[in-house]
Amino acid sequence: MARSPDRALDRAITALLHEAVQHSRAMRQVMSQIGQLVSLRINMLQGDGPADPAETALTELLSPLTKREKEVLDHLARGCSNRQIARSLGISERTVKNHLSNIFTKLGVGDRTSAVVKALGRND
């Protein structure tokens, strides 16, 4: 039979895990929405052409990226893991890591979040 302090600790752990799951779901939803916006932005930049100087700067920033690197960046902006990106694009996780390394170098950033922020044109 479990003692009362044990049950209280178990309830506290369960409550924290539940909260973490809820937070995780909310973060995935936000990341998905950000990803959709970044995809739209990247597609717009690949389309007709920029309408203002800020778009010109962003187009120039993303221009060194290959088509595949832009696809990886798009998935990254959607909050996908390396494994999810690999499965979606039909490539290995190692190849995804190589693409990410190239993206980071070309964008002059050191991590996933900075790459997405820069792709959104928010490098202030």
C-alpha atoms as a PDB file:
ATOM      1  CA  MET A   1       0.000   0.000   0.000  1.00  0.00           C
ATOM      2  CA  ALA A   2       1.411   3.388  -1.031  1.00  0.00           C
ATOM      3  CA  ARG A   3       1.974   5.958   1.618  1.00  0.00           C
ATOM      4  CA  SER A   4       0.276   9.327   1.456  1.00  0.00           C
ATOM      5  CA  PRO A   5       3.457  11.314   0.624  1.00  0.00           C
ATOM      6  CA  ASP A   6       4.179   8.849  -2.197  1.00  0.00           C
ATOM      7  CA  ARG A   7       0.701   9.372  -3.658  1.00  0.00           C
ATOM      8  CA  ALA A   8       1.065  13.138  -3.382  1.00  0.00           C
ATOM      9  CA  LEU A   9       4.401  12.986  -5.190  1.00  0.00           C
ATOM     10  CA  ASP A  10       2.917  10.733  -7.873  1.00  0.00           C
ATOM     11  CA  ARG A  11       0.036  13.182  -8.375  1.00  0.00           C
ATOM     12  CA  ALA A  12       2.470  16.100  -8.647  1.00  0.00           C
ATOM     13  CA  ILE A  13       4.577  14.251 -11.210  1.00  0.00           C
ATOM     14  CA  THR A  14       1.471  13.307 -13.196  1.00  0.00           C
ATOM     15  CA  ALA A  15       0.218  16.900 -13.138  1.00  0.00           C
ATOM     16  CA  LEU A  16       3.575  18.227 -14.380  1.00  0.00           C
ATOM     17  CA  LEU A  17       3.725  15.641 -17.151  1.00  0.00           C
ATOM     18  CA  HIS A  18       0.189  16.563 -18.220  1.00  0.00           C
ATOM     19  CA  GLU A  19       1.152  20.238 -18.277  1.00  0.00           C
ATOM     20  CA  ALA A  20       4.268  19.466 -20.321  1.00  0.00           C
ATOM     21  CA  VAL A  21       2.199  17.553 -22.881  1.00  0.00           C
ATOM     22  CA  GLN A  22      -0.273  20.434 -23.176  1.00  0.00           C
ATOM     23  CA  HIS A  23       2.580  22.924 -23.589  1.00  0.00           C
ATOM     24  CA  SER A  24       4.209  20.698 -26.196  1.00  0.00           C
ATOM     25  CA  ARG A  25       0.984  20.534 -28.219  1.00  0.00           C
ATOM     26  CA  ALA A  26       0.615  24.303 -28.101  1.00  0.00           C
ATOM     27  CA  MET A  27       4.236  24.787 -29.192  1.00  0.00           C
ATOM     28  CA  ARG A  28       3.788  22.369 -32.099  1.00  0.00           C
ATOM     29  CA  GLN A  29       0.725  24.316 -33.207  1.00  0.00           C
ATOM     30  CA  VAL A  30       2.568  27.630 -33.042  1.00  0.00           C
ATOM     31  CA  MET A  31       5.564  26.176 -34.893  1.00  0.00           C
ATOM     32  CA  SER A  32       3.247  24.785 -37.550  1.00  0.00           C
ATOM     33  CA  GLN A  33       1.678  28.199 -38.055  1.00  0.00           C
ATOM     34  CA  ILE A  34       5.089  29.861 -38.236  1.00  0.00           C
ATOM     35  CA  GLY A  35       6.162  27.202 -40.709  1.00  0.00           C
ATOM     36  CA  GLN A  36       3.197  27.900 -42.925  1.00  0.00           C
ATOM     37  CA  LEU A  37       4.031  31.597 -42.927  1.00  0.00           C
ATOM     38  CA  VAL A  38       7.683  30.925 -43.734  1.00  0.00           C
ATOM     39  CA  SER A  39       6.651  28.583 -46.557  1.00  0.00           C
ATOM     40  CA  LEU A  40       4.409  31.268 -47.959  1.00  0.00           C
ATOM     41  CA  ARG A  41       7.233  33.778 -47.682  1.00  0.00           C
ATOM     42  CA  ILE A  42       9.753  31.508 -49.386  1.00  0.00           C
ATOM     43  CA  ASN A  43       7.276  30.718 -52.170  1.00  0.00           C
ATOM     44  CA  MET A  44       6.616  34.421 -52.669  1.00  0.00           C
ATOM     45  CA  LEU A  45      10.343  35.087 -52.915  1.00  0.00           C
ATOM     46  CA  GLN A  46      10.740  32.353 -55.510  1.00  0.00           C
ATOM     47  CA  GLY A  47       7.843  33.764 -57.504  1.00  0.00           C
ATOM     48  CA  ASP A  48       7.487  37.044 -59.342  1.00  0.00           C
ATOM     49  CA  GLY A  49       9.995  39.194 -57.555  1.00  0.00           C
ATOM     50  CA  PRO A  50      10.303  41.454 -54.592  1.00  0.00           C
ATOM     51  CA  ALA A  51       8.171  44.552 -54.309  1.00  0.00           C
ATOM     52  CA  ASP A  52      10.246  46.458 -51.755  1.00  0.00           C
ATOM     53  CA  PRO A  53      13.847  46.756 -50.479  1.00  0.00           C
ATOM     54  CA  ALA A  54      13.203  44.486 -47.478  1.00  0.00           C
ATOM     55  CA  GLU A  55      12.045  41.714 -49.803  1.00  0.00           C
ATOM     56  CA  THR A  56      15.075  42.315 -52.029  1.00  0.00           C
ATOM     57  CA  ALA A  57      17.370  41.848 -49.033  1.00  0.00           C
ATOM     58  CA  LEU A  58      15.576  38.649 -48.007  1.00  0.00           C
ATOM     59  CA  THR A  59      15.674  37.315 -51.571  1.00  0.00           C
ATOM     60  CA  GLU A  60      19.412  37.967 -51.686  1.00  0.00           C
ATOM     61  CA  LEU A  61      19.847  36.302 -48.287  1.00  0.00           C
ATOM     62  CA  LEU A  62      18.083  33.113 -49.410  1.00  0.00           C
ATOM     63  CA  SER A  63      19.458  33.061 -52.968  1.00  0.00           C
ATOM     64  CA  PRO A  64      22.619  31.076 -52.124  1.00  0.00           C
ATOM     65  CA  LEU A  65      20.453  28.219 -50.837  1.00  0.00           C
ATOM     66  CA  THR A  66      19.824  25.316 -53.173  1.00  0.00           C
ATOM     67  CA  LYS A  67      16.276  24.180 -53.863  1.00  0.00           C
ATOM     68  CA  ARG A  68      16.754  21.245 -51.478  1.00  0.00           C
ATOM     69  CA  GLU A  69      18.173  23.500 -48.760  1.00  0.00           C
ATOM     70  CA  LYS A  70      15.100  25.724 -49.097  1.00  0.00           C
ATOM     71  CA  GLU A  71      12.910  22.629 -48.731  1.00  0.00           C
ATOM     72  CA  VAL A  72      14.812  21.639 -45.587  1.00  0.00           C
ATOM     73  CA  LEU A  73      14.487  25.207 -44.258  1.00  0.00           C
ATOM     74  CA  ASP A  74      10.757  25.095 -44.967  1.00  0.00           C
ATOM     75  CA  HIS A  75      10.385  21.892 -42.928  1.00  0.00           C
ATOM     76  CA  LEU A  76      12.608  23.340 -40.221  1.00  0.00           C
ATOM     77  CA  ALA A  77      10.317  26.357 -39.972  1.00  0.00           C
ATOM     78  CA  ARG A  78       7.389  23.998 -39.497  1.00  0.00           C
ATOM     79  CA  GLY A  79       9.110  22.641 -36.402  1.00  0.00           C
ATOM     80  CA  CYS A  80      10.049  19.283 -37.902  1.00  0.00           C
ATOM     81  CA  SER A  81      12.814  17.177 -36.414  1.00  0.00           C
ATOM     82  CA  ASN A  82      15.701  15.922 -38.548  1.00  0.00           C
ATOM     83  CA  ARG A  83      14.023  12.507 -38.664  1.00  0.00           C
ATOM     84  CA  GLN A  84      10.718  14.020 -39.834  1.00  0.00           C
ATOM     85  CA  ILE A  85      12.491  16.113 -42.487  1.00  0.00           C
ATOM     86  CA  ALA A  86      14.384  13.049 -43.709  1.00  0.00           C
ATOM     87  CA  ARG A  87      11.235  10.947 -43.989  1.00  0.00           C
ATOM     88  CA  SER A  88       9.286  13.696 -45.708  1.00  0.00           C
ATOM     89  CA  LEU A  89      12.009  14.376 -48.293  1.00  0.00           C
ATOM     90  CA  GLY A  90      13.082  10.742 -48.729  1.00  0.00           C
ATOM     91  CA  ILE A  91      16.658  11.359 -47.616  1.00  0.00           C
ATOM     92  CA  SER A  92      18.788  10.193 -44.687  1.00  0.00           C
ATOM     93  CA  GLU A  93      19.059  12.042 -41.387  1.00  0.00           C
ATOM     94  CA  ARG A  94      22.775  12.459 -42.123  1.00  0.00           C
ATOM     95  CA  THR A  95      21.906  14.257 -45.361  1.00  0.00           C
ATOM     96  CA  VAL A  96      19.485  16.500 -43.464  1.00  0.00           C
ATOM     97  CA  LYS A  97      22.297  17.360 -41.029  1.00  0.00           C
ATOM     98  CA  ASN A  98      24.564  18.198 -43.972  1.00  0.00           C
ATOM     99  CA  HIS A  99      21.893  20.444 -45.494  1.00  0.00           C
ATOM    100  CA  LEU A 100      21.348  22.160 -42.137  1.00  0.00           C
ATOM    101  CA  SER A 101      25.077  22.764 -41.771  1.00  0.00           C
ATOM    102  CA  ASN A 102      25.144  24.333 -45.249  1.00  0.00           C
ATOM    103  CA  ILE A 103      22.076  26.452 -44.451  1.00  0.00           C
ATOM    104  CA  PHE A 104      23.612  27.694 -41.201  1.00  0.00           C
ATOM    105  CA  THR A 105      26.849  28.605 -42.988  1.00  0.00           C
ATOM    106  CA  LYS A 106      25.124  30.361 -45.891  1.00  0.00           C
ATOM    107  CA  LEU A 107      22.782  32.305 -43.593  1.00  0.00           C
ATOM    108  CA  GLY A 108      25.541  33.083 -41.099  1.00  0.00           C
ATOM    109  CA  VAL A 109      23.738  31.535 -38.141  1.00  0.00           C
ATOM    110  CA  GLY A 110      24.590  28.861 -35.613  1.00  0.00           C
ATOM    111  CA  ASP A 111      21.292  27.134 -34.868  1.00  0.00           C
ATOM    112  CA  ARG A 112      17.866  26.108 -36.128  1.00  0.00           C
ATOM    113  CA  THR A 113      15.956  28.932 -34.483  1.00  0.00           C
ATOM    114  CA  SER A 114      18.264  31.619 -35.853  1.00  0.00           C
ATOM    115  CA  ALA A 115      17.922  30.163 -39.353  1.00  0.00           C
ATOM    116  CA  VAL A 116      14.123  30.326 -39.180  1.00  0.00           C
ATOM    117  CA  VAL A 117      14.192  33.843 -37.719  1.00  0.00           C
ATOM    118  CA  LYS A 118      16.502  34.974 -40.516  1.00  0.00           C
ATOM    119  CA  ALA A 119      14.276  33.297 -43.129  1.00  0.00           C
ATOM    120  CA  LEU A 120      11.377  35.297 -41.711  1.00  0.00           C
ATOM    121  CA  GLY A 121      13.401  38.434 -42.334  1.00  0.00           C
ATOM    122  CA  ARG A 122      13.676  39.242 -38.639  1.00  0.00           C
ATOM    123  CA  ASN A 123      17.387  39.739 -38.199  1.00  0.00           C
ATOM    124  CA  ASP A 124      17.233  42.912 -36.085  1.00  0.00           C
END
